[in-house]
């Protein structure tokens, strides 16, 4: 019998699209299975809609209390590379061998130097519609979506 490659063999890395709670948990599960993960999020921070919620249904648990440990775990994991302000432009290949082309939007700051102090947001003169508050208010162009935002 010839030695055939199984369909579930791990090859290279995985691209997870969407940095909400589902994307974060998927990334953590894949890393636990031995994969390198690229977590792609179109917004400036991961967290998704759950970051906007006060409580979750049906348990009425605090959303951030559930999400904060995952934010920390994803942010500190060396096998998860978070790519924010980017979108999938092209995806091609075959099962087990894909190539993804991303469109990266400008960060306007160096995320490696960011400490979350907020000084850059205070000095930014440009105001945009605040997506976190569903467009009801304005926010500085260089700000995080919520206080615990990663990166």
N, C-alpha and C. Protein backbone atom coordinates (compact mmCIF):
# COMPACT_ATOMS: atom_id res chain seq x y z
N UNK A 1 0.84 -1.18 0.00
CA UNK A 1 0.00 0.00 0.00
C UNK A 1 0.88 1.24 0.00
N UNK A 2 0.57 2.16 -0.89
CA UNK A 2 1.36 3.38 -0.98
C UNK A 2 1.05 4.30 0.19
N UNK A 3 2.05 5.09 0.53
CA UNK A 3 1.89 6.05 1.61
C UNK A 3 1.21 7.30 1.07
N UNK A 4 -0.09 7.41 1.28
CA UNK A 4 -0.86 8.55 0.76
C UNK A 4 -0.99 9.63 1.82
N UNK A 5 -1.02 10.85 1.35
CA UNK A 5 -1.21 11.98 2.24
C UNK A 5 -2.68 12.08 2.63
N UNK A 6 -2.93 12.25 3.91
CA UNK A 6 -4.30 12.38 4.39
C UNK A 6 -4.78 13.81 4.19
N UNK A 7 -6.08 13.98 3.98
CA UNK A 7 -6.66 15.31 3.78
C UNK A 7 -6.56 16.19 5.01
N UNK A 8 -6.44 15.60 6.20
CA UNK A 8 -6.41 16.41 7.40
C UNK A 8 -4.99 16.71 7.89
N UNK A 9 -3.97 16.42 7.08
CA UNK A 9 -2.60 16.76 7.45
C UNK A 9 -2.46 18.27 7.55
N UNK A 10 -1.72 18.74 8.55
CA UNK A 10 -1.51 20.16 8.73
C UNK A 10 -0.45 20.65 7.76
N UNK A 11 -0.75 21.73 7.08
CA UNK A 11 0.19 22.33 6.15
C UNK A 11 0.28 23.81 6.46
N UNK A 12 1.46 24.27 6.82
CA UNK A 12 1.70 25.70 6.97
C UNK A 12 0.85 26.40 8.00
N UNK A 13 0.14 27.41 7.57
CA UNK A 13 -0.59 28.28 8.48
C UNK A 13 -2.04 28.44 8.04
N UNK A 14 -2.80 29.13 8.90
CA UNK A 14 -4.23 29.30 8.67
C UNK A 14 -4.57 30.78 8.73
N UNK A 15 -5.45 31.23 7.84
CA UNK A 15 -5.97 32.59 7.87
C UNK A 15 -7.38 32.55 8.43
N UNK A 16 -7.60 33.24 9.53
CA UNK A 16 -8.93 33.36 10.13
C UNK A 16 -9.44 34.75 9.81
N UNK A 17 -10.60 34.82 9.17
CA UNK A 17 -11.16 36.11 8.76
C UNK A 17 -12.22 36.54 9.77
N UNK A 18 -11.97 37.65 10.42
CA UNK A 18 -12.89 38.20 11.41
C UNK A 18 -12.34 38.05 12.81
N UNK A 19 -12.16 39.17 13.49
CA UNK A 19 -11.57 39.17 14.82
C UNK A 19 -12.57 39.30 15.94
N UNK A 20 -13.80 38.87 15.71
CA UNK A 20 -14.80 38.86 16.77
C UNK A 20 -14.54 37.69 17.72
N UNK A 21 -15.47 37.45 18.61
CA UNK A 21 -15.30 36.37 19.59
C UNK A 21 -15.12 35.02 18.91
N UNK A 22 -15.84 34.78 17.81
CA UNK A 22 -15.70 33.52 17.07
C UNK A 22 -14.33 33.38 16.43
N UNK A 23 -13.84 34.46 15.82
CA UNK A 23 -12.51 34.44 15.20
C UNK A 23 -11.41 34.27 16.23
N UNK A 24 -11.58 34.90 17.39
CA UNK A 24 -10.57 34.76 18.45
C UNK A 24 -10.53 33.32 18.97
N UNK A 25 -11.71 32.74 19.24
CA UNK A 25 -11.75 31.37 19.76
C UNK A 25 -11.23 30.38 18.72
N UNK A 26 -11.58 30.59 17.46
CA UNK A 26 -11.08 29.73 16.39
C UNK A 26 -9.56 29.80 16.32
N UNK A 27 -9.01 31.00 16.42
CA UNK A 27 -7.56 31.18 16.38
C UNK A 27 -6.89 30.44 17.53
N UNK A 28 -7.45 30.56 18.73
CA UNK A 28 -6.88 29.87 19.89
C UNK A 28 -6.95 28.36 19.73
N UNK A 29 -8.07 27.86 19.21
CA UNK A 29 -8.21 26.41 18.99
C UNK A 29 -7.21 25.91 17.95
N UNK A 30 -7.02 26.67 16.88
CA UNK A 30 -6.07 26.27 15.83
C UNK A 30 -4.64 26.28 16.33
N UNK A 31 -4.29 27.27 17.14
CA UNK A 31 -2.95 27.32 17.71
C UNK A 31 -2.73 26.12 18.63
N UNK A 32 -3.75 25.76 19.40
CA UNK A 32 -3.65 24.58 20.26
C UNK A 32 -3.47 23.30 19.45
N UNK A 33 -3.91 23.32 18.20
CA UNK A 33 -3.75 22.16 17.31
C UNK A 33 -2.44 22.19 16.54
N UNK A 34 -1.62 23.21 16.78
CA UNK A 34 -0.30 23.25 16.16
C UNK A 34 -0.14 24.15 14.96
N UNK A 35 -1.14 24.94 14.63
CA UNK A 35 -1.07 25.81 13.46
C UNK A 35 -0.55 27.20 13.83
N UNK A 36 0.07 27.86 12.87
CA UNK A 36 0.36 29.30 12.94
C UNK A 36 -0.89 29.98 12.39
N UNK A 37 -1.39 31.02 13.07
CA UNK A 37 -2.64 31.66 12.68
C UNK A 37 -2.42 33.13 12.35
N UNK A 38 -3.01 33.54 11.24
CA UNK A 38 -3.09 34.95 10.88
C UNK A 38 -4.54 35.36 11.07
N UNK A 39 -4.79 36.26 12.02
CA UNK A 39 -6.14 36.71 12.34
C UNK A 39 -6.39 38.04 11.66
N UNK A 40 -7.28 38.04 10.67
CA UNK A 40 -7.55 39.21 9.83
C UNK A 40 -8.80 39.94 10.31
N UNK A 41 -8.66 41.23 10.58
CA UNK A 41 -9.79 42.06 11.02
C UNK A 41 -9.79 43.36 10.23
N UNK A 42 -10.95 43.77 9.72
CA UNK A 42 -11.02 44.98 8.92
C UNK A 42 -11.04 46.26 9.76
N UNK A 43 -11.41 46.14 11.01
CA UNK A 43 -11.45 47.31 11.90
C UNK A 43 -10.11 47.48 12.62
N UNK A 44 -9.93 48.60 13.32
CA UNK A 44 -8.64 48.84 13.99
C UNK A 44 -8.36 47.91 15.17
N UNK A 45 -9.39 47.30 15.75
CA UNK A 45 -9.21 46.43 16.91
C UNK A 45 -10.01 45.15 16.73
N UNK A 46 -9.52 44.07 17.34
CA UNK A 46 -10.30 42.84 17.36
C UNK A 46 -11.33 42.95 18.49
N UNK A 47 -12.33 42.10 18.46
CA UNK A 47 -13.36 42.10 19.50
C UNK A 47 -14.76 42.03 18.93
N UNK A 48 -14.95 42.64 17.77
CA UNK A 48 -16.25 42.58 17.10
C UNK A 48 -17.39 43.19 17.88
N UNK A 49 -18.58 42.73 17.60
CA UNK A 49 -19.80 43.27 18.21
C UNK A 49 -19.86 42.98 19.70
N UNK A 50 -19.28 41.87 20.13
CA UNK A 50 -19.36 41.51 21.54
C UNK A 50 -18.74 42.59 22.43
N UNK A 51 -17.77 43.33 21.90
CA UNK A 51 -17.14 44.41 22.67
C UNK A 51 -18.13 45.54 22.96
N UNK A 52 -19.19 45.63 22.18
CA UNK A 52 -20.19 46.68 22.36
C UNK A 52 -21.30 46.28 23.33
N UNK A 53 -21.39 45.02 23.64
CA UNK A 53 -22.49 44.54 24.47
C UNK A 53 -22.19 44.69 25.96
N UNK A 54 -23.23 44.95 26.72
CA UNK A 54 -23.10 45.02 28.17
C UNK A 54 -23.24 43.62 28.77
N UNK A 55 -24.29 42.92 28.36
CA UNK A 55 -24.58 41.58 28.87
C UNK A 55 -24.83 40.63 27.71
N UNK A 56 -24.68 39.33 27.99
CA UNK A 56 -24.94 38.31 26.96
C UNK A 56 -26.17 37.49 27.34
N UNK A 57 -26.83 36.99 26.33
CA UNK A 57 -28.02 36.15 26.52
C UNK A 57 -27.59 34.69 26.42
N UNK A 58 -28.11 33.78 27.14
CA UNK A 58 -29.21 33.85 28.10
C UNK A 58 -28.74 33.98 29.55
N UNK A 59 -27.43 34.01 29.76
CA UNK A 59 -26.90 33.97 31.13
C UNK A 59 -26.80 35.34 31.79
N UNK A 60 -26.93 36.40 31.00
CA UNK A 60 -26.81 37.77 31.50
C UNK A 60 -25.40 38.05 32.05
N UNK A 61 -24.41 37.33 31.52
CA UNK A 61 -23.02 37.55 31.93
C UNK A 61 -22.48 38.83 31.31
N UNK A 62 -21.51 39.41 31.96
CA UNK A 62 -20.82 40.59 31.46
C UNK A 62 -20.02 40.20 30.21
N UNK A 63 -20.28 40.89 29.10
CA UNK A 63 -19.60 40.56 27.83
C UNK A 63 -18.09 40.70 27.93
N UNK A 64 -17.64 41.82 28.46
CA UNK A 64 -16.20 42.06 28.54
C UNK A 64 -15.54 41.08 29.52
N UNK A 65 -16.27 40.63 30.53
CA UNK A 65 -15.72 39.65 31.47
C UNK A 65 -15.43 38.33 30.76
N UNK A 66 -16.24 38.00 29.76
CA UNK A 66 -16.03 36.78 28.97
C UNK A 66 -14.94 37.00 27.94
N UNK A 67 -14.95 38.17 27.31
CA UNK A 67 -14.07 38.43 26.19
C UNK A 67 -12.65 38.84 26.59
N UNK A 68 -12.48 39.56 27.70
CA UNK A 68 -11.17 40.09 28.08
C UNK A 68 -10.08 39.01 28.18
N UNK A 69 -10.34 37.86 28.80
CA UNK A 69 -9.29 36.84 28.85
C UNK A 69 -8.89 36.34 27.45
N UNK A 70 -9.84 36.28 26.54
CA UNK A 70 -9.53 35.85 25.17
C UNK A 70 -8.72 36.92 24.44
N UNK A 71 -9.05 38.20 24.66
CA UNK A 71 -8.27 39.29 24.07
C UNK A 71 -6.81 39.20 24.51
N UNK A 72 -6.61 38.97 25.80
CA UNK A 72 -5.25 38.87 26.33
C UNK A 72 -4.54 37.65 25.76
N UNK A 73 -5.22 36.52 25.74
CA UNK A 73 -4.62 35.28 25.24
C UNK A 73 -4.24 35.39 23.76
N UNK A 74 -5.13 35.96 22.96
CA UNK A 74 -4.85 36.13 21.53
C UNK A 74 -3.72 37.13 21.33
N UNK A 75 -3.78 38.25 22.05
CA UNK A 75 -2.78 39.30 21.90
C UNK A 75 -1.38 38.87 22.32
N UNK A 76 -1.27 37.97 23.26
CA UNK A 76 0.04 37.54 23.76
C UNK A 76 0.56 36.26 23.12
N UNK A 77 -0.25 35.61 22.32
CA UNK A 77 0.18 34.33 21.74
C UNK A 77 1.13 34.58 20.56
N UNK A 78 2.36 34.07 20.65
CA UNK A 78 3.33 34.31 19.57
C UNK A 78 2.97 33.61 18.26
N UNK A 79 2.05 32.65 18.30
CA UNK A 79 1.65 31.93 17.08
C UNK A 79 0.39 32.51 16.44
N UNK A 80 -0.08 33.64 16.97
CA UNK A 80 -1.21 34.34 16.35
C UNK A 80 -0.73 35.73 15.95
N UNK A 81 -0.77 35.99 14.65
CA UNK A 81 -0.42 37.32 14.15
C UNK A 81 -1.72 38.05 13.83
N UNK A 82 -1.96 39.14 14.54
CA UNK A 82 -3.17 39.93 14.34
C UNK A 82 -2.91 40.95 13.24
N UNK A 83 -3.75 40.94 12.23
CA UNK A 83 -3.64 41.89 11.11
C UNK A 83 -4.92 42.72 11.11
N UNK A 84 -4.81 43.96 11.58
CA UNK A 84 -5.98 44.83 11.63
C UNK A 84 -5.97 45.82 10.47
N UNK A 85 -7.12 46.43 10.26
CA UNK A 85 -7.31 47.40 9.17
C UNK A 85 -6.89 46.81 7.84
N UNK A 86 -7.33 45.58 7.59
CA UNK A 86 -7.00 44.89 6.34
C UNK A 86 -8.19 44.05 5.90
N UNK A 87 -8.25 43.81 4.59
CA UNK A 87 -9.34 43.02 4.02
C UNK A 87 -8.77 42.02 3.02
N UNK A 88 -9.48 40.92 2.87
CA UNK A 88 -9.10 39.90 1.90
C UNK A 88 -9.44 40.41 0.51
N UNK A 89 -8.43 40.50 -0.34
CA UNK A 89 -8.64 40.98 -1.71
C UNK A 89 -8.79 39.83 -2.70
N UNK A 90 -7.95 38.80 -2.53
CA UNK A 90 -8.00 37.66 -3.45
C UNK A 90 -7.61 36.41 -2.67
N UNK A 91 -8.26 35.32 -3.03
CA UNK A 91 -8.02 34.03 -2.38
C UNK A 91 -8.01 32.98 -3.47
N UNK A 92 -6.90 32.28 -3.62
CA UNK A 92 -6.80 31.28 -4.69
C UNK A 92 -5.98 30.09 -4.22
N UNK A 93 -6.13 28.99 -4.93
CA UNK A 93 -5.38 27.78 -4.60
C UNK A 93 -6.30 26.58 -4.52
N UNK A 94 -5.81 25.57 -3.84
CA UNK A 94 -6.59 24.33 -3.67
C UNK A 94 -6.49 23.89 -2.22
N UNK A 95 -7.27 22.91 -1.86
CA UNK A 95 -7.31 22.45 -0.48
C UNK A 95 -5.91 22.15 0.04
N UNK A 96 -5.55 22.81 1.13
CA UNK A 96 -4.24 22.61 1.74
C UNK A 96 -3.14 23.49 1.19
N UNK A 97 -3.42 24.26 0.15
CA UNK A 97 -2.40 25.11 -0.45
C UNK A 97 -3.05 26.36 -1.05
N UNK A 98 -3.35 27.32 -0.19
CA UNK A 98 -4.01 28.54 -0.62
C UNK A 98 -3.06 29.72 -0.56
N UNK A 99 -3.35 30.71 -1.36
CA UNK A 99 -2.65 31.98 -1.33
C UNK A 99 -3.68 33.07 -1.12
N UNK A 100 -3.45 33.92 -0.13
CA UNK A 100 -4.36 35.02 0.15
C UNK A 100 -3.64 36.33 -0.10
N UNK A 101 -4.33 37.24 -0.79
CA UNK A 101 -3.81 38.58 -1.01
C UNK A 101 -4.65 39.54 -0.18
N UNK A 102 -3.99 40.32 0.65
CA UNK A 102 -4.68 41.24 1.54
C UNK A 102 -4.50 42.68 1.10
N UNK A 103 -5.49 43.49 1.37
CA UNK A 103 -5.37 44.94 1.16
C UNK A 103 -5.27 45.55 2.55
N UNK A 104 -4.11 46.10 2.85
CA UNK A 104 -3.84 46.68 4.17
C UNK A 104 -4.09 48.18 4.11
N UNK A 105 -4.95 48.67 4.97
CA UNK A 105 -5.24 50.09 5.06
C UNK A 105 -4.25 50.72 6.05
N UNK A 106 -3.96 52.01 5.91
CA UNK A 106 -2.96 52.63 6.79
C UNK A 106 -3.38 52.59 8.26
N UNK A 107 -2.39 52.38 9.13
CA UNK A 107 -2.63 52.34 10.57
C UNK A 107 -2.62 53.74 11.19
N UNK A 108 -1.86 54.64 10.59
CA UNK A 108 -1.69 56.01 11.09
C UNK A 108 -0.93 56.07 12.41
N UNK A 109 -0.45 54.95 12.88
CA UNK A 109 0.40 54.90 14.07
C UNK A 109 1.10 53.55 14.08
N UNK A 110 2.14 53.45 14.89
CA UNK A 110 2.91 52.21 14.98
C UNK A 110 2.35 51.37 16.13
N UNK A 111 1.65 50.25 15.82
CA UNK A 111 1.04 49.45 16.90
C UNK A 111 2.07 48.85 17.85
N UNK A 112 3.32 48.69 17.40
CA UNK A 112 4.36 48.16 18.28
C UNK A 112 4.76 49.17 19.35
N UNK A 113 4.56 50.45 19.08
CA UNK A 113 4.92 51.50 20.04
C UNK A 113 3.73 51.96 20.88
N UNK A 114 2.53 51.56 20.50
CA UNK A 114 1.33 52.02 21.19
C UNK A 114 1.24 51.40 22.59
N UNK A 115 1.04 52.26 23.58
CA UNK A 115 0.86 51.80 24.96
C UNK A 115 -0.59 51.95 25.41
N UNK A 116 -1.43 52.51 24.54
CA UNK A 116 -2.83 52.70 24.89
C UNK A 116 -3.08 53.92 25.76
N UNK A 117 -2.12 54.85 25.81
CA UNK A 117 -2.24 56.02 26.68
C UNK A 117 -3.28 57.02 26.19
N UNK A 118 -3.55 57.04 24.87
CA UNK A 118 -4.56 57.94 24.32
C UNK A 118 -4.06 59.32 23.93
N UNK A 119 -2.77 59.60 24.10
CA UNK A 119 -2.24 60.92 23.76
C UNK A 119 -2.38 61.24 22.27
N UNK A 120 -2.20 60.23 21.42
CA UNK A 120 -2.32 60.47 19.97
C UNK A 120 -3.76 60.84 19.61
N UNK A 121 -4.73 60.23 20.27
CA UNK A 121 -6.14 60.55 20.00
C UNK A 121 -6.48 61.96 20.46
N UNK A 122 -5.88 62.39 21.57
CA UNK A 122 -6.14 63.74 22.08
C UNK A 122 -5.60 64.81 21.14
N UNK A 123 -4.48 64.53 20.48
CA UNK A 123 -3.87 65.54 19.61
C UNK A 123 -4.34 65.45 18.16
N UNK A 124 -5.13 64.45 17.82
CA UNK A 124 -5.60 64.28 16.44
C UNK A 124 -6.71 65.29 16.13
N UNK A 125 -6.53 66.12 15.09
CA UNK A 125 -7.54 67.13 14.76
C UNK A 125 -8.70 66.61 13.90
N UNK A 126 -8.58 65.40 13.36
CA UNK A 126 -9.58 64.87 12.42
C UNK A 126 -10.64 64.06 13.18
N UNK A 127 -11.91 64.38 12.92
CA UNK A 127 -13.00 63.63 13.53
C UNK A 127 -13.76 62.85 12.46
N UNK A 128 -14.13 61.62 12.81
CA UNK A 128 -14.88 60.75 11.91
C UNK A 128 -16.11 60.22 12.64
N UNK A 129 -17.02 59.63 11.90
CA UNK A 129 -18.20 59.00 12.50
C UNK A 129 -17.73 57.84 13.38
N UNK A 130 -18.24 57.78 14.60
CA UNK A 130 -17.85 56.77 15.57
C UNK A 130 -18.60 55.46 15.29
N UNK A 131 -17.89 54.48 14.73
CA UNK A 131 -18.50 53.19 14.39
C UNK A 131 -18.96 52.43 15.63
N UNK A 132 -18.23 52.56 16.73
CA UNK A 132 -18.56 51.84 17.96
C UNK A 132 -19.95 52.24 18.45
N UNK A 133 -20.27 53.52 18.33
CA UNK A 133 -21.58 54.02 18.76
C UNK A 133 -22.56 54.11 17.60
N UNK A 134 -22.37 53.24 16.61
CA UNK A 134 -23.28 53.11 15.47
C UNK A 134 -23.52 54.43 14.74
N UNK A 135 -22.48 55.27 14.67
CA UNK A 135 -22.56 56.50 13.90
C UNK A 135 -23.32 57.63 14.57
N UNK A 136 -23.64 57.50 15.84
CA UNK A 136 -24.41 58.53 16.54
C UNK A 136 -23.53 59.67 17.05
N UNK A 137 -22.22 59.45 17.14
CA UNK A 137 -21.30 60.47 17.64
C UNK A 137 -20.08 60.54 16.74
N UNK A 138 -19.23 61.51 17.02
CA UNK A 138 -17.96 61.63 16.31
C UNK A 138 -16.84 61.17 17.23
N UNK A 139 -15.75 60.72 16.61
CA UNK A 139 -14.59 60.25 17.35
C UNK A 139 -13.35 60.69 16.59
N UNK A 140 -12.22 60.78 17.28
CA UNK A 140 -10.98 61.12 16.59
C UNK A 140 -10.62 60.02 15.60
N UNK A 141 -9.97 60.42 14.51
CA UNK A 141 -9.60 59.46 13.47
C UNK A 141 -8.62 58.42 13.98
N UNK A 142 -7.84 58.75 15.00
CA UNK A 142 -6.88 57.79 15.54
C UNK A 142 -7.29 57.47 16.98
N UNK A 143 -8.18 56.53 17.11
CA UNK A 143 -8.65 56.12 18.43
C UNK A 143 -8.96 54.63 18.39
N UNK A 144 -9.01 54.03 19.58
CA UNK A 144 -9.39 52.62 19.66
C UNK A 144 -10.91 52.54 19.80
N UNK A 145 -11.47 51.42 19.40
CA UNK A 145 -12.92 51.28 19.38
C UNK A 145 -13.53 51.14 20.77
N UNK A 146 -12.78 50.60 21.72
CA UNK A 146 -13.25 50.43 23.08
C UNK A 146 -12.02 50.38 23.99
N UNK A 147 -12.17 50.67 25.28
CA UNK A 147 -11.00 50.82 26.15
C UNK A 147 -10.04 49.63 26.21
N UNK A 148 -10.54 48.41 26.05
CA UNK A 148 -9.67 47.23 26.11
C UNK A 148 -9.19 46.78 24.74
N UNK A 149 -9.32 47.61 23.73
CA UNK A 149 -9.02 47.25 22.35
C UNK A 149 -7.62 46.69 22.13
N UNK A 150 -7.53 45.65 21.32
CA UNK A 150 -6.26 45.00 20.95
C UNK A 150 -6.18 45.01 19.45
N UNK A 151 -5.09 45.41 18.80
CA UNK A 151 -3.84 45.91 19.39
C UNK A 151 -3.97 47.36 19.75
